[in-house]
Amino acid sequence: MPATKKDDDDETVLSLSEQTNRPADVALNQQRIAAWHPILDPVWVIIALFYLGVIMVPVGFKMQDLSNGVVELRKTYDSFDDPNLRECGINTTYNARRKCSLEFIATQYMEPPILVHYELTNFHQNHRDYYQSRDAYQLYGRSSLQQTSLEASLCDPLNKLGNVWLNPCGLIANTFFNDIFTLESGQDAEGNTLNLIEKGVAWASDIEFKFKQPDGFAMEACENPTPNNINADGTTSTSCDPDCCLAQTRTDDTAGLTNQSWSCSEPAVHPDDGKCYRYHYPDEEITQYLYETYPDVVNPLEGVTNEHFIVWMRIATLPTFRKLYGYFNEPIAKGSRFTIQVEANYVVESFKGSKSIIISTNNIFGGQNPVLGRTFIVVGFICIVSGLFFTMKHWLRPRKLADTRYLHFKED
């Protein structure tokens, strides 16, 4: 029904003094502060285009030069559609432990740090169902038994195997890249043995704030921590004494528990100091931890803090991606040969992809990326050409700014 009174006369409308939520009548709250808006007249546009062009073209050529200076060595060692790569190929055999050797020859002098990446193709880590399949609280130490229904649903269908909890759960953690790369031979520019460093490949912020061993985990050095045992034939082995885990109780209170037996069946060698440690994981009889899922790659003393695992958990945006595996801190002379042994465990047949090792130097803009420099050059030349065009247009057929003669009103 049409209103019979004006809104101003309506008794339901509050007066200004009664409107308590009304913003204050000041310039800031009412958006009346004076503002400066640049007027883009032809002269300013032409000057801006020339400035952009003059800056972007030399920057683009410099970036192109830096990209061309990056030395990159690549070896594809397994692919679903290339029978010539079957020396390292494992078809559909998971955890095949198939070993092969790849020889690299430095085409130029390589300055450190020399980065070692692995590359996968046609692997869509950015798929929504894939990158959401993780439990961030579990990765930072919370027990699987404390999962909420929402967190468990995110990990579905890889939350449990039968009656055994997966820790960590989810698609990302349980499709971890588990090929192993070992430097077999190689010398630096001074003739010393190369060393493939695998520490320091993950982001420090990820290590500190995103990944932690589960609550209740504890470890303790064995009484004889050096892993050199005398065998019956008089030789030595680098395994730890299994008695270190037997008939022992925990002597610390790291997780608020005492008199708990160690869950290990045999101690593990710590990758940092090379000594033997016994360890305890909570609820191990009903939980499968990361070191049990990937025993050849993940040390039980590291668990989810393993840096290769942390690198894998940082999702790639494109289906073809590289992830850092390690690096050399020594220069490599031109023509030098070095060999990397691959233990192939990761199947690419299922997603029709390939696996490669890439060894490269880098620059201030990252690795080899010719597209970035070319983009700057092309955009710079477009700006210069556009500036010339508008200069000729303004010179030959100038137009006065805000000239009312160019306004065309619609006639009634």
Foldseek 3Di string as FASTA:
>chain_A
DDDPDDPVPDPVDDDPVPPPPDDDPDCVRVVNDDDDDDDDDLVNLLVVLQVLLVVLQVVLVVVLVQLVPKFKDKDFQEFQPDPVNCQQYDAPFFQPQRKDKDKDAGQAWAAPFKFKKKKKFLAACVDPLQLQQWQQVLQAAEDLVPDDPVNQVSLPPFQADVQAGERGGHDLLLQAAQKDKDWDFFAAPVRHTWDWFQPPQADPCCLVPGGDHHQPKDKDFFPQFQQWDQDPVRHTDRFADQCSQPPDWDPDCRRPDGRHGFPDSGWFQDPPPRTTMTMHDPPVVRYDFSCNSRVPHDTPVCTSSRRSNNQSSPGDRDNIDIGTRTTTNGMHHHGIMIMMMIRDRRHPNVSRMTMMMMIMHADPVGHNDSPVSVVSNVSSVVSNVVSVVSVVCCVPPNDDPPDCVPDDDDDD
